[in-house]
C-alpha atoms as a PDB file:
ATOM      1  CA  MET A   1      72.290  93.763 112.280  1.00  0.00           C
ATOM      2  CA  LEU A   2      75.922  94.498 113.163  1.00  0.00           C
ATOM      3  CA  ALA A   3      78.602  95.701 110.757  1.00  0.00           C
ATOM      4  CA  ALA A   4      82.284  96.622 111.190  1.00  0.00           C
ATOM      5  CA  GLN A   5      83.054  99.973 109.596  1.00  0.00           C
ATOM      6  CA  TYR A   6      86.270 101.885 108.976  1.00  0.00           C
ATOM      7  CA  VAL A   7      86.234 105.425 110.351  1.00  0.00           C
ATOM      8  CA  ALA A   8      89.096 107.576 109.059  1.00  0.00           C
ATOM      9  CA  GLY A   9      91.314 108.865 111.853  1.00  0.00           C
ATOM     10  CA  TYR A  10      89.650 106.586 114.390  1.00  0.00           C
ATOM     11  CA  GLY A  11      89.812 102.939 113.376  1.00  0.00           C
ATOM     12  CA  ILE A  12      87.187 100.191 113.339  1.00  0.00           C
ATOM     13  CA  GLU A  13      83.716 100.765 114.733  1.00  0.00           C
ATOM     14  CA  VAL A  14      80.951  98.196 115.110  1.00  0.00           C
ATOM     15  CA  ALA A  15      77.526  99.690 114.500  1.00  0.00           C
ATOM     16  CA  GLU A  16      73.934  98.612 114.107  1.00  0.00           C
ATOM     17  CA  VAL A  17      72.865  98.989 110.455  1.00  0.00           C
ATOM     18  CA  ALA A  18      69.890  97.920 108.384  1.00  0.00           C
ATOM     19  CA  PRO A  19      70.491  94.954 106.056  1.00  0.00           C
ATOM     20  CA  ARG A  20      70.034  95.695 102.363  1.00  0.00           C
ATOM     21  CA  PRO A  21      67.606  93.296 100.662  1.00  0.00           C
ATOM     22  CA  PRO A  22      68.769  91.769  97.383  1.00  0.00           C
ATOM     23  CA  GLY A  23      67.725  93.538  94.210  1.00  0.00           C
ATOM     24  CA  PRO A  24      67.478  92.027  90.725  1.00  0.00           C
ATOM     25  CA  GLY A  25      70.457  89.787  90.025  1.00  0.00           C
ATOM     26  CA  GLU A  26      71.677  90.014  93.634  1.00  0.00           C
ATOM     27  CA  VAL A  27      72.037  87.530  96.465  1.00  0.00           C
ATOM     28  CA  GLN A  28      71.969  88.217 100.183  1.00  0.00           C
ATOM     29  CA  VAL A  29      74.514  86.121 102.080  1.00  0.00           C
ATOM     30  CA  GLU A  30      74.354  85.260 105.758  1.00  0.00           C
ATOM     31  CA  VAL A  31      78.030  85.790 106.582  1.00  0.00           C
ATOM     32  CA  ALA A  32      79.701  83.156 108.743  1.00  0.00           C
ATOM     33  CA  TYR A  33      83.387  84.135 109.004  1.00  0.00           C
ATOM     34  CA  VAL A  34      85.521  87.006 107.722  1.00  0.00           C
ATOM     35  CA  GLY A  35      89.308  87.021 107.823  1.00  0.00           C
ATOM     36  CA  ILE A  36      91.420  90.068 108.641  1.00  0.00           C
ATOM     37  CA  CYS A  37      94.374  90.410 106.268  1.00  0.00           C
ATOM     38  CA  GLY A  38      97.329  92.678 105.556  1.00  0.00           C
ATOM     39  CA  THR A  39      95.255  94.812 103.194  1.00  0.00           C
ATOM     40  CA  ASP A  40      92.784  95.446 106.031  1.00  0.00           C
ATOM     41  CA  LEU A  41      95.683  96.564 108.223  1.00  0.00           C
ATOM     42  CA  HIS A  42      96.742  98.998 105.477  1.00  0.00           C
ATOM     43  CA  ILE A  43      93.162 100.348 105.615  1.00  0.00           C
ATOM     44  CA  LEU A  44      93.433 100.660 109.396  1.00  0.00           C
ATOM     45  CA  ALA A  45      96.694 102.614 108.980  1.00  0.00           C
ATOM     46  CA  GLY A  46      94.975 105.111 106.668  1.00  0.00           C
ATOM     47  CA  HIS A  47      96.876 104.043 103.530  1.00  0.00           C
ATOM     48  CA  MET A  48      93.667 103.667 101.497  1.00  0.00           C
ATOM     49  CA  ASP A  49      91.590 106.612 102.662  1.00  0.00           C
ATOM     50  CA  GLU A  50      91.199 107.833  99.092  1.00  0.00           C
ATOM     51  CA  ARG A  51      89.389 104.616  98.166  1.00  0.00           C
ATOM     52  CA  ILE A  52      87.194 103.637 101.090  1.00  0.00           C
ATOM     53  CA  ALA A  53      84.051 105.581 101.953  1.00  0.00           C
ATOM     54  CA  ASP A  54      83.556 107.116 105.381  1.00  0.00           C
ATOM     55  CA  HIS A  55      82.080 104.432 107.638  1.00  0.00           C
ATOM     56  CA  GLY A  56      82.589 101.913 104.828  1.00  0.00           C
ATOM     57  CA  VAL A  57      82.054  98.256 105.743  1.00  0.00           C
ATOM     58  CA  ILE A  58      85.304  96.366 105.197  1.00  0.00           C
ATOM     59  CA  GLY A  59      86.304  92.718 104.768  1.00  0.00           C
ATOM     60  CA  HIS A  60      86.764  90.524 101.704  1.00  0.00           C
ATOM     61  CA  GLU A  61      87.935  87.095 102.963  1.00  0.00           C
ATOM     62  CA  MET A  62      84.712  85.321 103.850  1.00  0.00           C
ATOM     63  CA  SER A  63      82.403  82.346 103.899  1.00  0.00           C
ATOM     64  CA  GLY A  64      78.681  82.054 104.456  1.00  0.00           C
ATOM     65  CA  ARG A  65      75.376  80.742 103.184  1.00  0.00           C
ATOM     66  CA  VAL A  66      72.823  82.143 100.789  1.00  0.00           C
ATOM     67  CA  ALA A  67      70.040  83.810 102.799  1.00  0.00           C
ATOM     68  CA  ALA A  68      67.834  85.263 100.044  1.00  0.00           C
ATOM     69  CA  THR A  69      67.859  85.829  96.299  1.00  0.00           C
ATOM     70  CA  GLY A  70      66.657  88.739  94.217  1.00  0.00           C
ATOM     71  CA  GLU A  71      64.557  88.768  91.083  1.00  0.00           C
ATOM     72  CA  GLY A  72      66.104  86.917  88.147  1.00  0.00           C
ATOM     73  CA  VAL A  73      68.658  85.004  90.191  1.00  0.00           C
ATOM     74  CA  THR A  74      69.086  81.393  89.087  1.00  0.00           C
ATOM     75  CA  GLY A  75      71.270  78.562  90.328  1.00  0.00           C
ATOM     76  CA  TRP A  76      71.353  79.683  93.963  1.00  0.00           C
ATOM     77  CA  SER A  77      69.071  78.681  96.818  1.00  0.00           C
ATOM     78  CA  PRO A  78      68.876  79.627 100.500  1.00  0.00           C
ATOM     79  CA  GLY A  79      71.313  77.546 102.525  1.00  0.00           C
ATOM     80  CA  ASP A  80      73.873  77.089  99.745  1.00  0.00           C
ATOM     81  CA  PRO A  81      77.435  77.436 101.144  1.00  0.00           C
ATOM     82  CA  VAL A  82      79.360  80.138  99.297  1.00  0.00           C
ATOM     83  CA  THR A  83      82.308  82.447  99.269  1.00  0.00           C
ATOM     84  CA  VAL A  84      82.728  85.630  97.240  1.00  0.00           C
ATOM     85  CA  MET A  85      85.380  86.592  94.708  1.00  0.00           C
ATOM     86  CA  PRO A  86      85.394  90.304  95.618  1.00  0.00           C
ATOM     87  CA  LEU A  87      86.269  91.824  92.241  1.00  0.00           C
ATOM     88  CA  ARG A  88      84.023  93.771  89.887  1.00  0.00           C
ATOM     89  CA  TRP A  89      85.394  94.982  86.563  1.00  0.00           C
ATOM     90  CA  CYS A  90      84.058  97.239  83.821  1.00  0.00           C
ATOM     91  CA  GLY A  91      84.642  94.941  80.837  1.00  0.00           C
ATOM     92  CA  GLN A  92      85.278  97.955  78.596  1.00  0.00           C
ATOM     93  CA  CYS A  93      88.748  99.319  79.420  1.00  0.00           C
ATOM     94  CA  PRO A  94      91.874  98.283  77.461  1.00  0.00           C
ATOM     95  CA  THR A  95      92.953  95.956  80.282  1.00  0.00           C
ATOM     96  CA  CYS A  96      89.610  94.161  80.327  1.00  0.00           C
ATOM     97  CA  ARG A  97      89.500  93.905  76.541  1.00  0.00           C
ATOM     98  CA  ALA A  98      92.945  92.280  76.651  1.00  0.00           C
ATOM     99  CA  GLY A  99      91.518  89.536  78.894  1.00  0.00           C
ATOM    100  CA  ASN A 100      92.932  90.825  82.185  1.00  0.00           C
ATOM    101  CA  GLU A 101      89.654  91.755  83.874  1.00  0.00           C
ATOM    102  CA  HIS A 102      90.968  90.976  87.355  1.00  0.00           C
ATOM    103  CA  ILE A 103      93.249  94.051  87.128  1.00  0.00           C
ATOM    104  CA  CYS A 104      90.691  96.247  85.354  1.00  0.00           C
ATOM    105  CA  ASP A 105      91.629  99.921  85.011  1.00  0.00           C
ATOM    106  CA  HIS A 106      88.473 100.733  86.994  1.00  0.00           C
ATOM    107  CA  LEU A 107      88.461  97.730  89.315  1.00  0.00           C
ATOM    108  CA  ASP A 108      86.023  97.706  92.222  1.00  0.00           C
ATOM    109  CA  PHE A 109      87.740  95.701  94.954  1.00  0.00           C
ATOM    110  CA  VAL A 110      84.736  94.852  97.103  1.00  0.00           C
ATOM    111  CA  GLY A 111      85.491  95.495 100.750  1.00  0.00           C
ATOM    112  CA  ILE A 112      87.595  98.548  99.904  1.00  0.00           C
ATOM    113  CA  ASP A 113      86.014 100.426  97.014  1.00  0.00           C
ATOM    114  CA  SER A 114      82.498  99.246  97.918  1.00  0.00           C
ATOM    115  CA  PRO A 115      80.876  97.697 101.033  1.00  0.00           C
ATOM    116  CA  GLY A 116      82.506  94.490 102.247  1.00  0.00           C
ATOM    117  CA  ALA A 117      81.741  91.309 104.129  1.00  0.00           C
ATOM    118  CA  MET A 118      82.224  92.177 107.805  1.00  0.00           C
ATOM    119  CA  GLN A 119      78.505  92.372 108.507  1.00  0.00           C
ATOM    120  CA  GLN A 120      75.920  89.795 109.387  1.00  0.00           C
ATOM    121  CA  ARG A 121      74.067  89.958 106.053  1.00  0.00           C
ATOM    122  CA  TRP A 122      75.837  91.032 102.860  1.00  0.00           C
ATOM    123  CA  THR A 123      74.172  91.632  99.505  1.00  0.00           C
ATOM    124  CA  VAL A 124      76.311  91.099  96.396  1.00  0.00           C
ATOM    125  CA  PRO A 125      75.816  90.512  92.653  1.00  0.00           C
ATOM    126  CA  GLN A 126      75.228  86.829  91.950  1.00  0.00           C
ATOM    127  CA  GLU A 127      78.212  86.646  89.581  1.00  0.00           C
ATOM    128  CA  LEU A 128      80.600  87.187  92.510  1.00  0.00           C
ATOM    129  CA  LEU A 129      79.512  83.995  94.277  1.00  0.00           C
ATOM    130  CA  VAL A 130      81.727  80.911  94.304  1.00  0.00           C
ATOM    131  CA  PRO A 131      80.111  77.617  95.411  1.00  0.00           C
ATOM    132  CA  LEU A 132      81.621  75.645  98.261  1.00  0.00           C
ATOM    133  CA  PRO A 133      81.560  71.875  98.776  1.00  0.00           C
ATOM    134  CA  GLY A 134      79.167  70.852 101.509  1.00  0.00           C
ATOM    135  CA  ALA A 135      81.877  68.906 103.334  1.00  0.00           C
ATOM    136  CA  LEU A 136      84.161  71.959 103.668  1.00  0.00           C
ATOM    137  CA  SER A 137      83.665  73.771 106.973  1.00  0.00           C
ATOM    138  CA  LEU A 138      82.784  77.450 106.731  1.00  0.00           C
ATOM    139  CA  ARG A 139      85.661  78.197 109.112  1.00  0.00           C
ATOM    140  CA  ALA A 140      88.141  76.651 106.660  1.00  0.00           C
ATOM    141  CA  ALA A 141      86.353  78.210 103.690  1.00  0.00           C
ATOM    142  CA  ALA A 142      87.096  81.694 105.060  1.00  0.00           C
ATOM    143  CA  LEU A 143      90.647  81.034 103.789  1.00  0.00           C
ATOM    144  CA  VAL A 144      89.621  80.554 100.140  1.00  0.00           C
ATOM    145  CA  GLU A 145      90.488  84.150  99.223  1.00  0.00           C
ATOM    146  CA  PRO A 146      94.022  84.193 100.721  1.00  0.00           C
ATOM    147  CA  VAL A 147      94.718  80.729  99.292  1.00  0.00           C
ATOM    148  CA  ALA A 148      93.597  82.083  95.901  1.00  0.00           C
ATOM    149  CA  VAL A 149      96.105  84.928  96.341  1.00  0.00           C
ATOM    150  CA  ALA A 150      98.885  82.420  97.016  1.00  0.00           C
ATOM    151  CA  HIS A 151      97.847  80.228  94.091  1.00  0.00           C
ATOM    152  CA  HIS A 152      97.868  83.228  91.733  1.00  0.00           C
ATOM    153  CA  ASP A 153     101.341  84.203  92.958  1.00  0.00           C
ATOM    154  CA  VAL A 154     102.694  80.715  92.286  1.00  0.00           C
ATOM    155  CA  VAL A 155     101.057  80.604  88.850  1.00  0.00           C
ATOM    156  CA  ARG A 156     102.586  83.990  87.992  1.00  0.00           C
ATOM    157  CA  ALA A 157     105.996  82.530  88.884  1.00  0.00           C
ATOM    158  CA  SER A 158     105.554  79.652  86.387  1.00  0.00           C
ATOM    159  CA  LEU A 159     107.060  77.492  89.113  1.00  0.00           C
ATOM    160  CA  SER A 160     108.206  74.058  87.937  1.00  0.00           C
ATOM    161  CA  PRO A 161     108.869  70.875  89.978  1.00  0.00           C
ATOM    162  CA  GLY A 162     112.326  70.875  91.512  1.00  0.00           C
ATOM    163  CA  GLU A 163     112.870  74.621  91.191  1.00  0.00           C
ATOM    164  CA  SER A 164     114.106  76.550  94.219  1.00  0.00           C
ATOM    165  CA  ALA A 165     111.628  79.082  95.604  1.00  0.00           C
ATOM    166  CA  LEU A 166     112.541  81.599  98.302  1.00  0.00           C
ATOM    167  CA  VAL A 167     109.617  83.175 100.174  1.00  0.00           C
ATOM    168  CA  ILE A 168     110.470  86.433 101.947  1.00  0.00           C
ATOM    169  CA  GLY A 169     107.957  87.105 104.709  1.00  0.00           C
ATOM    170  CA  GLY A 170     106.292  84.466 106.867  1.00  0.00           C
ATOM    171  CA  GLY A 171     102.858  85.926 107.491  1.00  0.00           C
ATOM    172  CA  PRO A 172      99.720  84.074 106.368  1.00  0.00           C
ATOM    173  CA  ILE A 173     100.241  84.809 102.661  1.00  0.00           C
ATOM    174  CA  GLY A 174     103.924  83.892 102.792  1.00  0.00           C
ATOM    175  CA  VAL A 175     103.175  80.582 104.501  1.00  0.00           C
ATOM    176  CA  LEU A 176     100.348  79.876 102.047  1.00  0.00           C
ATOM    177  CA  ILE A 177     102.668  80.590  99.097  1.00  0.00           C
ATOM    178  CA  ALA A 178     105.139  78.103 100.568  1.00  0.00           C
ATOM    179  CA  VAL A 179     102.360  75.536 100.997  1.00  0.00           C
ATOM    180  CA  VAL A 180     101.078  75.979  97.422  1.00  0.00           C
ATOM    181  CA  ALA A 181     104.639  75.945  96.028  1.00  0.00           C
ATOM    182  CA  ARG A 182     105.236  72.606  97.772  1.00  0.00           C
ATOM    183  CA  THR A 183     102.184  71.160  96.015  1.00  0.00           C
ATOM    184  CA  ARG A 184     104.091  71.970  92.801  1.00  0.00           C
ATOM    185  CA  ALA A 185     107.080  69.938  94.123  1.00  0.00           C
ATOM    186  CA  ALA A 186     109.277  73.030  94.442  1.00  0.00           C
ATOM    187  CA  GLU A 187     112.215  73.264  96.857  1.00  0.00           C
ATOM    188  CA  VAL A 188     110.942  75.925  99.269  1.00  0.00           C
ATOM    189  CA  LEU A 189     112.744  78.069 101.820  1.00  0.00           C
ATOM    190  CA  LEU A 190     111.068  80.812 103.876  1.00  0.00           C
ATOM    191  CA  VAL A 191     112.859  83.701 105.593  1.00  0.00           C
ATOM    192  CA  GLU A 192     111.189  85.668 108.378  1.00  0.00           C
ATOM    193  CA  PRO A 193     112.453  87.754 111.333  1.00  0.00           C
ATOM    194  CA  ASP A 194     109.656  86.863 113.772  1.00  0.00           C
ATOM    195  CA  PRO A 195     110.383  83.694 115.803  1.00  0.00           C
ATOM    196  CA  TYR A 196     106.714  82.805 116.246  1.00  0.00           C
ATOM    197  CA  ARG A 197     106.018  82.926 112.526  1.00  0.00           C
ATOM    198  CA  ARG A 198     109.148  80.887 111.868  1.00  0.00           C
ATOM    199  CA  SER A 199     107.926  78.302 114.361  1.00  0.00           C
ATOM    200  CA  VAL A 200     104.557  78.046 112.588  1.00  0.00           C
ATOM    201  CA  ALA A 201     106.230  77.507 109.208  1.00  0.00           C
ATOM    202  CA  SER A 202     108.751  75.067 110.655  1.00  0.00           C
ATOM    203  CA  GLY A 203     105.939  73.118 112.299  1.00  0.00           C
ATOM    204  CA  LEU A 204     104.471  72.599 108.844  1.00  0.00           C
ATOM    205  CA  GLY A 205     107.726  71.101 107.598  1.00  0.00           C
ATOM    206  CA  ILE A 206     108.778  74.247 105.720  1.00  0.00           C
ATOM    207  CA  ASP A 207     112.510  75.045 105.822  1.00  0.00           C
ATOM    208  CA  VAL A 208     113.023  78.444 107.483  1.00  0.00           C
ATOM    209  CA  LEU A 209     115.780  80.954 108.108  1.00  0.00           C
ATOM    210  CA  ASP A 210     115.937  84.017 110.342  1.00  0.00           C
ATOM    211  CA  SER A 211     116.102  87.002 107.970  1.00  0.00           C
ATOM    212  CA  GLY A 212     118.073  88.826 110.672  1.00  0.00           C
ATOM    213  CA  SER A 213     120.804  86.194 110.721  1.00  0.00           C
ATOM    214  CA  GLU A 214     124.357  87.526 110.422  1.00  0.00           C
ATOM    215  CA  ASP A 215     125.245  84.875 107.846  1.00  0.00           C
ATOM    216  CA  LEU A 216     122.000  84.926 105.857  1.00  0.00           C
ATOM    217  CA  THR A 217     123.868  85.310 102.562  1.00  0.00           C
ATOM    218  CA  GLY A 218     126.028  82.279 103.307  1.00  0.00           C
ATOM    219  CA  ALA A 219     123.004  80.218 104.355  1.00  0.00           C
ATOM    220  CA  LEU A 220     121.125  81.113 101.169  1.00  0.00           C
ATOM    221  CA  ASP A 221     124.177  80.281  99.083  1.00  0.00           C
ATOM    222  CA  ALA A 222     124.461  76.888 100.747  1.00  0.00           C
ATOM    223  CA  TRP A 223     120.736  76.217 100.222  1.00  0.00           C
ATOM    224  CA  SER A 224     120.906  76.976  96.503  1.00  0.00           C
ATOM    225  CA  GLY A 225     124.267  75.314  95.949  1.00  0.00           C
ATOM    226  CA  GLY A 226     125.666  78.652  94.840  1.00  0.00           C
ATOM    227  CA  ALA A 227     123.199  78.941  91.954  1.00  0.00           C
ATOM    228  CA  GLY A 228     120.771  81.387  93.560  1.00  0.00           C
ATOM    229  CA  ALA A 229     117.018  80.916  93.745  1.00  0.00           C
ATOM    230  CA  ALA A 230     114.970  80.289  90.609  1.00  0.00           C
ATOM    231  CA  VAL A 231     112.101  82.304  92.093  1.00  0.00           C
ATOM    232  CA  THR A 232     111.745  84.755  94.959  1.00  0.00           C
ATOM    233  CA  PHE A 233     108.384  85.820  96.365  1.00  0.00           C
ATOM    234  CA  GLU A 234     108.657  89.244  98.036  1.00  0.00           C
ATOM    235  CA  VAL A 235     105.837  89.198 100.583  1.00  0.00           C
ATOM    236  CA  SER A 236     107.235  91.470 103.308  1.00  0.00           C
ATOM    237  CA  GLY A 237     106.446  94.810 101.657  1.00  0.00           C
ATOM    238  CA  THR A 238     109.755  96.240 102.917  1.00  0.00           C
ATOM    239  CA  GLN A 239     112.849  97.692 101.266  1.00  0.00           C
ATOM    240  CA  ALA A 240     115.034  95.078 102.950  1.00  0.00           C
ATOM    241  CA  GLY A 241     112.788  92.304 101.672  1.00  0.00           C
ATOM    242  CA  LEU A 242     112.904  93.674  98.138  1.00  0.00           C
ATOM    243  CA  ASP A 243     116.697  93.991  98.259  1.00  0.00           C
ATOM    244  CA  LEU A 244     116.977  90.364  99.385  1.00  0.00           C
ATOM    245  CA  ALA A 245     114.518  89.196  96.730  1.00  0.00           C
ATOM    246  CA  VAL A 246     116.711  90.677  93.988  1.00  0.00           C
ATOM    247  CA  ALA A 247     120.057  89.676  95.492  1.00  0.00           C
ATOM    248  CA  ALA A 248     119.059  86.056  96.135  1.00  0.00           C
ATOM    249  CA  LEU A 249     118.058  85.274  92.550  1.00  0.00           C
ATOM    250  CA  GLY A 250     120.247  83.278  90.234  1.00  0.00           C
ATOM    251  CA  ALA A 251     120.648  83.807  86.496  1.00  0.00           C
ATOM    252  CA  ARG A 252     117.325  84.475  84.769  1.00  0.00           C
ATOM    253  CA  GLY A 253     115.514  84.197  88.091  1.00  0.00           C
ATOM    254  CA  ARG A 254     111.995  85.520  88.583  1.00  0.00           C
ATOM    255  CA  LEU A 255     110.976  87.925  91.329  1.00  0.00           C
ATOM    256  CA  VAL A 256     107.255  87.893  92.132  1.00  0.00           C
ATOM    257  CA  ALA A 257     106.164  91.101  93.870  1.00  0.00           C
ATOM    258  CA  VAL A 258     103.405  90.117  96.311  1.00  0.00           C
ATOM    259  CA  GLY A 259     103.659  92.492  99.290  1.00  0.00           C
ATOM    260  CA  ILE A 260     101.949  95.879  99.237  1.00  0.00           C
ATOM    261  CA  HIS A 261     104.539  98.659  99.321  1.00  0.00           C
ATOM    262  CA  ALA A 262     103.071 101.857 100.717  1.00  0.00           C
ATOM    263  CA  GLU A 263     105.805 103.962  99.050  1.00  0.00           C
ATOM    264  CA  PRO A 264     108.129 103.724  96.028  1.00  0.00           C
ATOM    265  CA  ARG A 265     111.170 101.472  96.465  1.00  0.00           C
ATOM    266  CA  ARG A 266     114.699 101.266  95.069  1.00  0.00           C
ATOM    267  CA  VAL A 267     115.562  98.283  92.860  1.00  0.00           C
ATOM    268  CA  ASP A 268     119.084  97.160  91.958  1.00  0.00           C
ATOM    269  CA  MET A 269     118.569  97.447  88.209  1.00  0.00           C
ATOM    270  CA  ARG A 270     122.213  96.665  87.515  1.00  0.00           C
ATOM    271  CA  ARG A 271     121.690  93.176  88.946  1.00  0.00           C
ATOM    272  CA  VAL A 272     118.416  92.848  87.033  1.00  0.00           C
ATOM    273  CA  PHE A 273     120.376  93.608  83.855  1.00  0.00           C
ATOM    274  CA  TRP A 274     123.454  91.529  84.761  1.00  0.00           C
ATOM    275  CA  LYS A 275     121.538  88.365  85.665  1.00  0.00           C
ATOM    276  CA  GLU A 276     118.715  88.841  83.128  1.00  0.00           C
ATOM    277  CA  LEU A 277     116.173  88.786  85.936  1.00  0.00           C
ATOM    278  CA  GLN A 278     112.421  89.047  85.531  1.00  0.00           C
ATOM    279  CA  LEU A 279     110.245  91.221  87.804  1.00  0.00           C
ATOM    280  CA  LEU A 280     106.631  90.058  87.947  1.00  0.00           C
ATOM    281  CA  GLY A 281     103.739  91.774  89.659  1.00  0.00           C
ATOM    282  CA  ALA A 282     101.107  89.529  91.237  1.00  0.00           C
ATOM    283  CA  ARG A 283      97.882  91.294  92.138  1.00  0.00           C
ATOM    284  CA  VAL A 284      94.739  89.609  93.440  1.00  0.00           C
ATOM    285  CA  TYR A 285      93.553  86.537  91.462  1.00  0.00           C
ATOM    286  CA  GLU A 286      91.446  85.141  88.659  1.00  0.00           C
ATOM    287  CA  ARG A 287      88.406  82.866  88.862  1.00  0.00           C
ATOM    288  CA  ALA A 288      90.588  79.816  88.207  1.00  0.00           C
ATOM    289  CA  ASP A 289      92.619  80.673  91.319  1.00  0.00           C
ATOM    290  CA  PHE A 290      89.451  80.619  93.433  1.00  0.00           C
ATOM    291  CA  THR A 291      88.462  77.251  92.018  1.00  0.00           C
ATOM    292  CA  ALA A 292      91.939  75.878  92.735  1.00  0.00           C
ATOM    293  CA  ALA A 293      91.862  77.319  96.276  1.00  0.00           C
ATOM    294  CA  VAL A 294      88.580  75.579  97.052  1.00  0.00           C
ATOM    295  CA  GLU A 295      90.049  72.296  95.785  1.00  0.00           C
ATOM    296  CA  LEU A 296      93.218  72.692  97.886  1.00  0.00           C
ATOM    297  CA  LEU A 297      91.164  73.313 101.017  1.00  0.00           C
ATOM    298  CA  GLU A 298      88.789  70.446 100.257  1.00  0.00           C
ATOM    299  CA  ARG A 299      91.759  68.067  99.836  1.00  0.00           C
ATOM    300  CA  GLY A 300      93.202  69.157 103.162  1.00  0.00           C
ATOM    301  CA  SER A 301      96.355  70.549 101.525  1.00  0.00           C
ATOM    302  CA  VAL A 302      96.071  73.806 103.485  1.00  0.00           C
ATOM    303  CA  PRO A 303      96.922  73.694 107.236  1.00  0.00           C
ATOM    304  CA  VAL A 304      93.897  75.675 108.402  1.00  0.00           C
ATOM    305  CA  ASP A 305      94.442  75.119 112.128  1.00  0.00           C
ATOM    306  CA  ALA A 306      98.041  76.362 111.905  1.00  0.00           C
ATOM    307  CA  ILE A 307      97.035  79.496 109.951  1.00  0.00           C
ATOM    308  CA  VAL A 308      93.982  80.507 112.013  1.00  0.00           C
ATOM    309  CA  SER A 309      95.211  81.701 115.393  1.00  0.00           C
ATOM    310  CA  ARG A 310      91.850  82.590 116.857  1.00  0.00           C
ATOM    311  CA  VAL A 311      88.253  83.582 116.161  1.00  0.00           C
ATOM    312  CA  ASP A 312      86.636  86.714 117.633  1.00  0.00           C
ATOM    313  CA  VAL A 313      82.966  87.651 117.523  1.00  0.00           C
ATOM    314  CA  LEU A 314      81.867  90.577 115.371  1.00  0.00           C
ATOM    315  CA  ALA A 315      81.189  92.831 118.350  1.00  0.00           C
ATOM    316  CA  GLN A 316      84.883  92.510 119.240  1.00  0.00           C
ATOM    317  CA  ALA A 317      86.197  93.320 115.747  1.00  0.00           C
ATOM    318  CA  PRO A 318      88.005  96.540 116.843  1.00  0.00           C
ATOM    319  CA  ALA A 319      90.011  94.587 119.431  1.00  0.00           C
ATOM    320  CA  ALA A 320      90.740  91.877 116.847  1.00  0.00           C
ATOM    321  CA  PHE A 321      92.185  94.478 114.471  1.00  0.00           C
ATOM    322  CA  ASP A 322      94.262  96.067 117.223  1.00  0.00           C
ATOM    323  CA  SER A 323      95.635  92.711 118.302  1.00  0.00           C
ATOM    324  CA  LEU A 324      96.651  91.748 114.776  1.00  0.00           C
ATOM    325  CA  ALA A 325      98.223  95.165 114.146  1.00  0.00           C
ATOM    326  CA  ARG A 326     100.370  94.786 117.294  1.00  0.00           C
ATOM    327  CA  GLY A 327     101.744  91.456 116.069  1.00  0.00           C
ATOM    328  CA  GLY A 328     103.044  88.848 118.461  1.00  0.00           C
ATOM    329  CA  ARG A 329     101.923  85.233 118.558  1.00  0.00           C
ATOM    330  CA  VAL A 330      99.201  85.515 115.952  1.00  0.00           C
ATOM    331  CA  MET A 331      98.828  84.630 112.279  1.00  0.00           C
ATOM    332  CA  LYS A 332      95.269  84.861 110.982  1.00  0.00           C
ATOM    333  CA  VAL A 333      92.294  86.170 112.957  1.00  0.00           C
ATOM    334  CA  LEU A 334      88.776  85.346 111.828  1.00  0.00           C
ATOM    335  CA  VAL A 335      85.708  87.354 112.797  1.00  0.00           C
ATOM    336  CA  ASP A 336      82.563  85.318 113.526  1.00  0.00           C
ATOM    337  CA  CYS A 337      79.664  87.239 111.998  1.00  0.00           C
ATOM    338  CA  GLY A 338      77.063  84.574 112.698  1.00  0.00           C
ATOM    339  CA  ALA A 339      74.688  84.033 115.566  1.00  0.00           C
ATOM    340  CA  ALA A 340      77.619  84.202 117.998  1.00  0.00           C
ATOM    341  CA  GLY A 341      78.519  87.657 116.717  1.00  0.00           C
ATOM    342  CA  GLY A 342      77.387  89.319 119.923  1.00  0.00           C
ATOM    343  CA  SER A 343      75.758  92.731 120.223  1.00  0.00           C
ATOM    344  CA  ALA A 344      77.114  96.227 119.954  1.00  0.00           C
END
């Protein structure tokens, strides 16, 4: 079978590998689609070389069907549509014992710290599986993981109906945060420098501003009626985005840190003190976020066709990564790992 592997100093390589049969308590999944996300681009840039094994199979946003089950597996049968919540925790560390297993001190993020989904058959522990409704297409279901990220971010914000929420960064996660926030009846505004991404968000009825606008401060002030935002979601992973996220908040506003920052950043702590701001980290998700994400997709609340720009076969995964890394008129790229996956 084919698998997409990360090779340090080179990039993504598609190779022929032997599928691993499921052992006790494991399920082998026939992978349908795998999404490429910002974390995968950080891997491509070499930012996670200390975590990913040489020639490690990557990918953690996926959908597929059960292909085979190992000894002792119950509740799953071949053909069942599934996705995977790609987190394994130890259950013993102080963080786990406090009930925060999803950010375990020894967390195995599957697809980075251990082999991921971008292969035609993927064997995982049965407890990682999340069932999918039969009516939900596997193409749409490949977005469950990023929608779960967005849902977790909004939950961390404790966003209430009518509150103003500023999303900084209009990539797939930023747009999904805006979509989920709107389901909570929040007043949402998204800022983004890229005109294509702004057009996607605007086409979904999301209010947008150019983050490079000369009068951005005045526009934000007019939007909030001078009060400042109740919540800002920093999704850009940049210093400028972080500065804006702090500056745009009103009294006792909440900043939710979503974007991955590859280096330490400065924070205007005087404003944090002066306005009694809250800074909240939002990392990955919990099982409830996955359940909510499946429900949002099943209800049609997520604009799948607007988010997914194109689908490439597995044999073309290196080109798909390169295209996404270059930017341009693209949001989310899915990799088809099924029968149409091509050959190496």
